Amino acid sequence: MTTDLTVRETEAGIITAPEIVLENARSAAKALSDVISKKKKPVIMNGEQYLEYEDWQTCAQFYGYTVKTGEAEMVEIDGVKGAKAHADVIDFRSGLIVGGAEAYCMRDEEHWNTRPKYEWQGEGNNRRRVKVGEEVVPWFQLASMAQTRAGAKALRNRLAWVVVLAGYKATPAEEMTESTASEKQQERRTVDKSEHYCPIHNVNFFKRGRMKGYAHPIEGTDRWCNEEDVLGEQAENEVAAEEGAAVPPDAPESTPGAVTGALDMDALREDLEYLEDKKLKAWTRPNVISYLNTLTGGSYIKISEAVKALSPEQLAEFLGRVKEAKEMA
């Protein structure tokens, strides 16, 4: 295999050939995985590992990137005070800004408003640490966390595709606080789900200009998700459920390649519905779609379409995880 660098000229400059880009990315992903596998305290949520800020910084070094975090500022959103920070991704070889992001740390988040205050009391063998009340978390700590989140998010925006190649989730660990967020915080972070809401991508559909219907762009791709398609599938499922019938499969009678005849979509749907009924967060429909899209590199909105795009090896892995989850549920 040749290692010669192949490039092509464009009006914007020289672009590395795609096969070389992927070859370098696989090398970076392997090196990152080797480093992360040695962590003594990895961040695991719902059976998936998430990378911390320093892990993203390690990946950035492979590409000659560093992060410049701006000064945090005080903000107030819906009556809640907190800190907001911006971070830029810098190519330290050229000094050019190649990415960036903003992030927040608010006082309605658990651990970021007040915290227990302790004092040592007693003498000798009776000396012990006793909770004596609550104290307000200092502003500088909120500011520091906002900067950390901004830095991690900025690197995620630039390097998520490499991290996914390494087998990790693309969301920085510092952003994964929804499970401990207050009701008000979750309401502020999420979109209005009352109407024109996409349950697959957790954003609102919109319609403007000459658009014929409600839709939204799918982040990280050049594709769009149409409300009509999503609601159409949901309606079909609801009608089938009301009639007491199994949800009809929208996959063809056979699946391409080596998986032909190996997949029973009816059985798979039943398994996934069972796991979702068990209130397993990792097995909600949006999370399953996200997982399948990570495996395939696609941006599907239907489970049946995403499953059809799996390779035989990926299908075996996915079905194995479903089976394991059922056994543990």
Protein backbone atom coordinates (compact mmCIF):
# COMPACT_ATOMS: atom_id res chain seq x y z
CA MET A 1 0.00 0.00 0.00
CA THR A 2 1.43 3.35 -0.98
CA THR A 3 1.66 6.13 1.59
CA ASP A 4 2.24 8.89 -0.94
CA LEU A 5 0.09 11.95 -0.23
CA THR A 6 -2.45 12.48 -3.00
CA VAL A 7 -3.92 15.94 -3.39
CA ARG A 8 -6.07 17.82 -5.84
CA GLU A 9 -6.10 21.52 -6.67
CA THR A 10 -9.24 23.59 -6.15
CA GLU A 11 -9.98 27.28 -6.21
CA ALA A 12 -9.88 27.27 -2.43
CA GLY A 13 -6.45 25.60 -2.28
CA ILE A 14 -5.12 22.07 -1.88
CA ILE A 15 -7.41 19.40 -0.44
CA THR A 16 -6.14 16.02 0.72
CA ALA A 17 -7.70 13.08 -1.09
CA PRO A 18 -10.59 11.46 0.84
CA GLU A 19 -8.87 8.08 1.12
CA ILE A 20 -5.87 9.74 2.75
CA VAL A 21 -8.11 11.70 5.13
CA LEU A 22 -9.82 8.48 6.23
CA GLU A 23 -6.51 6.64 6.54
CA ASN A 24 -5.20 9.37 8.85
CA ALA A 25 -8.46 9.41 10.81
CA ARG A 26 -8.34 5.66 11.40
CA SER A 27 -4.78 6.02 12.64
CA ALA A 28 -5.81 8.84 14.99
CA ALA A 29 -8.85 6.86 16.17
CA LYS A 30 -6.69 3.84 17.00
CA ALA A 31 -4.17 5.94 18.91
CA LEU A 32 -6.97 7.67 20.82
CA SER A 33 -8.58 4.34 21.69
CA ASP A 34 -5.26 3.04 23.01
CA VAL A 35 -4.97 6.05 25.34
CA ILE A 36 -8.59 6.03 26.50
CA SER A 37 -8.59 2.28 27.21
CA LYS A 38 -6.00 2.87 29.93
CA LYS A 39 -8.13 5.39 31.87
CA LYS A 40 -8.66 4.28 35.46
CA LYS A 41 -12.00 6.08 35.81
CA PRO A 42 -13.78 6.22 32.45
CA VAL A 43 -17.11 8.05 32.20
CA ILE A 44 -19.76 5.39 31.48
CA MET A 45 -23.44 6.30 31.04
CA ASN A 46 -26.11 3.86 29.90
CA GLY A 47 -23.41 1.42 28.89
CA GLU A 48 -21.64 3.93 26.61
CA GLN A 49 -18.31 5.65 27.25
CA TYR A 50 -18.07 9.43 26.92
CA LEU A 51 -14.87 11.41 26.52
CA GLU A 52 -13.84 14.13 28.95
CA TYR A 53 -12.29 17.46 28.03
CA GLU A 54 -8.72 16.18 28.34
CA ASP A 55 -9.57 13.26 26.04
CA TRP A 56 -10.78 15.66 23.36
CA GLN A 57 -7.59 17.68 23.82
CA THR A 58 -5.55 14.52 23.22
CA CYS A 59 -7.37 13.93 19.94
CA ALA A 60 -6.86 17.58 18.99
CA GLN A 61 -3.09 17.21 19.34
CA PHE A 62 -3.10 14.62 16.54
CA TYR A 63 -4.35 17.31 14.18
CA GLY A 64 -2.36 20.25 15.48
CA TYR A 65 -5.31 21.91 17.21
CA THR A 66 -5.58 23.65 20.54
CA VAL A 67 -8.39 25.52 22.30
CA LYS A 68 -8.50 29.16 23.32
CA THR A 69 -11.21 29.83 25.91
CA GLY A 70 -12.58 33.32 26.33
CA GLU A 71 -13.50 35.01 29.58
CA ALA A 72 -16.76 33.73 31.09
CA GLU A 73 -19.61 36.20 31.46
CA MET A 74 -22.55 36.35 33.83
CA VAL A 75 -25.90 35.62 32.21
CA GLU A 76 -29.51 35.26 33.32
CA ILE A 77 -31.93 33.02 31.40
CA ASP A 78 -35.59 32.74 32.43
CA GLY A 79 -34.68 34.16 35.83
CA VAL A 80 -31.83 31.68 36.35
CA LYS A 81 -28.31 33.06 36.77
CA GLY A 82 -25.17 31.38 35.54
CA ALA A 83 -22.05 31.61 33.38
CA LYS A 84 -21.58 31.60 29.63
CA ALA A 85 -18.26 31.06 27.85
CA HIS A 86 -16.97 30.86 24.28
CA ALA A 87 -14.06 28.81 23.01
CA ASP A 88 -12.20 28.78 19.69
CA VAL A 89 -10.33 25.90 18.10
CA ILE A 90 -6.94 27.14 16.87
CA ASP A 91 -4.63 25.49 14.34
CA PHE A 92 -1.39 26.18 16.22
CA ARG A 93 0.69 25.76 13.06
CA SER A 94 -1.05 28.63 11.25
CA GLY A 95 -2.78 30.45 14.11
CA LEU A 96 -6.10 30.31 12.21
CA ILE A 97 -9.42 29.79 14.00
CA VAL A 98 -10.94 26.57 12.61
CA GLY A 99 -13.94 26.11 14.92
CA GLY A 100 -15.68 27.24 18.09
CA ALA A 101 -18.63 26.86 20.44
CA GLU A 102 -20.49 28.42 23.37
CA ALA A 103 -21.62 26.70 26.55
CA TYR A 104 -23.31 27.47 29.86
CA CYS A 105 -23.23 26.48 33.52
CA MET A 106 -26.38 27.57 35.35
CA ARG A 107 -27.35 27.72 39.00
CA ASP A 108 -30.43 25.52 38.55
CA GLU A 109 -28.17 22.56 37.75
CA GLU A 110 -27.57 20.04 40.48
CA HIS A 111 -24.32 20.77 42.38
CA TRP A 112 -24.02 24.27 40.88
CA ASN A 113 -26.28 26.35 43.14
CA THR A 114 -25.53 25.32 46.71
CA ARG A 115 -23.50 22.50 48.17
CA PRO A 116 -23.07 20.95 51.62
CA LYS A 117 -20.73 22.73 54.01
CA TYR A 118 -18.70 20.58 56.43
CA GLU A 119 -16.57 21.20 59.48
CA TRP A 120 -14.31 18.98 61.55
CA GLN A 121 -15.64 18.60 65.08
CA GLY A 122 -14.52 16.72 68.16
CA GLU A 123 -11.09 15.68 69.35
CA GLY A 124 -8.88 12.64 69.11
CA ASN A 125 -10.65 9.45 68.04
CA ASN A 126 -13.99 11.28 68.14
CA ARG A 127 -12.97 13.87 65.58
CA ARG A 128 -15.22 13.65 62.51
CA ARG A 129 -16.44 15.67 59.57
CA VAL A 130 -19.94 17.05 60.19
CA LYS A 131 -22.33 18.78 57.80
CA VAL A 132 -23.18 22.19 59.24
CA GLY A 133 -25.29 23.67 56.46
CA GLU A 134 -25.22 24.76 52.82
CA GLU A 135 -23.00 27.24 51.00
CA VAL A 136 -23.35 28.92 47.60
CA VAL A 137 -21.05 27.55 44.91
CA PRO A 138 -18.54 30.32 44.10
CA TRP A 139 -19.01 32.17 40.80
CA PHE A 140 -15.51 31.28 39.57
CA GLN A 141 -16.39 27.58 39.64
CA LEU A 142 -19.43 28.11 37.42
CA ALA A 143 -17.26 30.20 35.10
CA SER A 144 -14.61 27.47 34.98
CA MET A 145 -17.16 24.77 34.13
CA ALA A 146 -18.71 26.93 31.39
CA GLN A 147 -15.24 27.35 29.88
CA THR A 148 -14.54 23.62 30.13
CA ARG A 149 -17.84 22.78 28.44
CA ALA A 150 -17.22 25.35 25.71
CA GLY A 151 -13.75 23.96 25.03
CA ALA A 152 -14.97 20.36 24.90
CA LYS A 153 -17.91 21.30 22.68
CA ALA A 154 -15.69 23.28 20.29
CA LEU A 155 -13.40 20.28 19.87
CA ARG A 156 -16.43 18.03 19.47
CA ASN A 157 -17.70 20.18 16.62
CA ARG A 158 -14.36 19.73 14.84
CA LEU A 159 -13.37 16.16 15.75
CA ALA A 160 -16.55 14.20 16.51
CA TRP A 161 -16.16 12.15 13.32
CA VAL A 162 -12.76 10.88 14.50
CA VAL A 163 -14.06 10.05 17.99
CA VAL A 164 -16.98 8.10 16.49
CA LEU A 165 -14.52 6.13 14.36
CA ALA A 166 -12.78 5.20 17.62
CA GLY A 167 -16.09 3.81 18.94
CA TYR A 168 -16.99 6.51 21.47
CA LYS A 169 -20.04 8.75 21.82
CA ALA A 170 -19.71 12.13 20.14
CA THR A 171 -21.11 14.16 23.06
CA PRO A 172 -18.51 15.37 25.61
CA ALA A 173 -18.98 13.98 29.13
CA GLU A 174 -19.24 17.53 30.50
CA GLU A 175 -22.49 18.02 28.53
CA MET A 176 -24.11 14.80 29.78
CA THR A 177 -25.93 16.27 32.78
CA GLU A 178 -29.55 15.91 31.68
CA SER A 179 -30.20 13.03 34.09
CA THR A 180 -29.43 15.29 37.06
CA ALA A 181 -30.85 18.53 35.65
CA SER A 182 -33.76 20.24 37.32
CA GLU A 183 -37.11 20.45 35.56
CA LYS A 184 -36.57 24.13 34.76
CA GLN A 185 -33.13 23.44 33.36
CA GLN A 186 -34.39 20.67 31.10
CA GLU A 187 -37.18 22.95 29.92
CA ARG A 188 -34.66 25.68 29.11
CA ARG A 189 -32.25 23.34 27.32
CA THR A 190 -34.80 21.56 25.18
CA VAL A 191 -37.08 22.78 22.43
CA ASP A 192 -40.83 23.32 22.52
CA LYS A 193 -42.27 19.85 22.00
CA SER A 194 -45.90 20.91 21.82
CA GLU A 195 -46.06 21.10 18.01
CA HIS A 196 -43.81 20.71 14.97
CA TYR A 197 -41.26 18.78 17.06
CA CYS A 198 -38.91 16.11 15.68
CA PRO A 199 -38.56 13.24 18.19
CA ILE A 200 -35.70 11.74 16.16
CA HIS A 201 -33.30 14.69 16.33
CA ASN A 202 -34.77 16.59 19.33
CA VAL A 203 -35.25 19.87 17.46
CA ASN A 204 -38.21 21.83 16.14
CA PHE A 205 -39.33 21.63 12.53
CA PHE A 206 -39.75 25.02 10.86
CA LYS A 207 -41.25 26.42 7.68
CA ARG A 208 -40.23 29.64 5.99
CA GLY A 209 -39.78 31.21 2.60
CA ARG A 210 -40.77 28.86 -0.23
CA MET A 211 -40.69 25.69 1.88
CA LYS A 212 -43.70 23.48 1.10
CA GLY A 213 -43.81 21.84 4.52
CA TYR A 214 -42.17 21.78 7.93
CA ALA A 215 -38.62 20.38 8.04
CA HIS A 216 -35.20 20.87 9.61
CA PRO A 217 -31.61 20.25 8.44
CA ILE A 218 -29.91 17.18 9.92
CA GLU A 219 -26.83 18.38 11.81
CA GLY A 220 -23.54 17.31 10.29
CA THR A 221 -25.06 16.33 6.93
CA ASP A 222 -26.49 17.95 3.82
CA ARG A 223 -29.81 16.14 4.30
CA TRP A 224 -33.13 17.38 5.65
CA CYS A 225 -35.68 15.66 7.91
CA ASN A 226 -39.30 16.30 6.85
CA GLU A 227 -42.11 16.42 9.40
CA GLU A 228 -44.43 14.66 6.95
CA ASP A 229 -42.14 11.60 6.81
CA VAL A 230 -41.78 11.35 10.60
CA LEU A 231 -45.46 11.87 11.36
CA GLY A 232 -46.41 9.48 8.57
CA GLU A 233 -44.48 6.63 10.14
CA GLN A 234 -45.86 7.43 13.60
CA ALA A 235 -49.43 7.43 12.25
CA GLU A 236 -48.94 4.03 10.61
CA ASN A 237 -47.63 2.59 13.85
CA GLU A 238 -50.51 4.04 15.90
CA VAL A 239 -53.17 2.69 13.50
CA ALA A 240 -51.59 -0.75 13.57
CA ALA A 241 -51.47 -0.71 17.36
CA GLU A 242 -55.12 0.36 17.67
CA GLU A 243 -56.17 -2.49 15.38
CA GLY A 244 -54.31 -4.96 17.56
CA ALA A 245 -51.91 -5.91 14.79
CA ALA A 246 -48.18 -6.02 14.80
CA VAL A 247 -46.52 -2.90 13.45
CA PRO A 248 -46.05 -3.61 9.73
CA PRO A 249 -42.43 -3.81 8.61
CA ASP A 250 -41.28 -1.32 6.03
CA ALA A 251 -38.19 -3.34 5.13
CA PRO A 252 -38.32 -5.51 2.02
CA GLU A 253 -38.81 -9.27 2.24
CA SER A 254 -35.08 -9.78 2.14
CA THR A 255 -32.15 -7.72 3.34
CA PRO A 256 -29.20 -7.14 0.99
CA GLY A 257 -25.97 -9.09 1.19
CA ALA A 258 -25.08 -11.76 3.69
CA VAL A 259 -27.88 -10.81 6.07
CA THR A 260 -30.63 -11.95 3.68
CA GLY A 261 -33.25 -13.89 5.60
CA ALA A 262 -31.42 -13.38 8.90
CA LEU A 263 -33.49 -10.45 10.12
CA ASP A 264 -37.09 -10.59 11.31
CA MET A 265 -38.24 -6.96 11.48
CA ASP A 266 -41.44 -7.87 13.34
CA ALA A 267 -39.45 -9.64 16.06
CA LEU A 268 -36.94 -6.78 16.23
CA ARG A 269 -39.72 -4.21 16.62
CA GLU A 270 -41.27 -6.25 19.42
CA ASP A 271 -37.90 -6.46 21.18
CA LEU A 272 -37.30 -2.71 20.88
CA GLU A 273 -40.82 -1.90 22.08
CA TYR A 274 -40.27 -4.21 25.05
CA LEU A 275 -37.03 -2.43 25.98
CA GLU A 276 -38.63 1.00 25.62
CA ASP A 277 -41.59 -0.11 27.79
CA LYS A 278 -39.03 -1.03 30.46
CA LYS A 279 -38.13 2.70 30.59
CA LEU A 280 -34.55 2.02 29.52
CA LYS A 281 -33.24 5.41 28.43
CA ALA A 282 -30.63 3.94 26.10
CA TRP A 283 -33.35 2.09 24.17
CA THR A 284 -35.76 4.91 23.40
CA ARG A 285 -36.46 5.21 19.69
CA PRO A 286 -34.37 8.40 19.19
CA ASN A 287 -31.40 6.79 20.97
CA VAL A 288 -31.67 3.62 18.87
CA ILE A 289 -31.76 5.72 15.69
CA SER A 290 -28.74 7.71 16.90
CA TYR A 291 -26.84 4.50 17.66
CA LEU A 292 -27.63 2.99 14.25
CA ASN A 293 -26.66 6.21 12.48
CA THR A 294 -23.36 6.14 14.37
CA LEU A 295 -22.71 2.58 13.14
CA THR A 296 -23.67 3.30 9.53
CA GLY A 297 -22.48 6.87 9.26
CA GLY A 298 -25.94 7.74 7.90
CA SER A 299 -28.71 10.08 9.00
CA TYR A 300 -31.77 7.85 8.82
CA ILE A 301 -35.08 8.69 10.50
CA LYS A 302 -36.55 5.16 10.37
CA ILE A 303 -35.13 2.20 12.26
CA SER A 304 -35.97 -0.13 9.38
CA GLU A 305 -33.97 1.99 6.92
CA ALA A 306 -31.00 2.24 9.26
CA VAL A 307 -30.99 -1.52 9.90
CA LYS A 308 -30.94 -2.22 6.17
CA ALA A 309 -27.75 -0.14 5.89
CA LEU A 310 -25.86 -2.23 8.48
CA SER A 311 -23.11 -4.54 7.37
CA PRO A 312 -23.46 -8.22 8.42
CA GLU A 313 -20.97 -7.62 11.23
CA GLN A 314 -22.77 -4.48 12.43
CA LEU A 315 -26.13 -6.24 12.29
CA ALA A 316 -24.78 -9.11 14.38
CA GLU A 317 -23.41 -6.61 16.92
CA PHE A 318 -26.70 -4.70 17.08
CA LEU A 319 -28.87 -7.82 17.48
CA GLY A 320 -26.46 -9.09 20.12
CA ARG A 321 -26.87 -5.87 22.12
CA VAL A 322 -30.66 -6.10 21.84
CA LYS A 323 -30.60 -9.68 23.09
CA GLU A 324 -28.27 -8.79 25.97
CA ALA A 325 -30.45 -5.83 27.00
CA LYS A 326 -33.57 -8.02 27.00
CA GLU A 327 -31.89 -10.57 29.23
CA MET A 328 -30.85 -7.87 31.70
CA ALA A 329 -34.14 -5.91 31.62
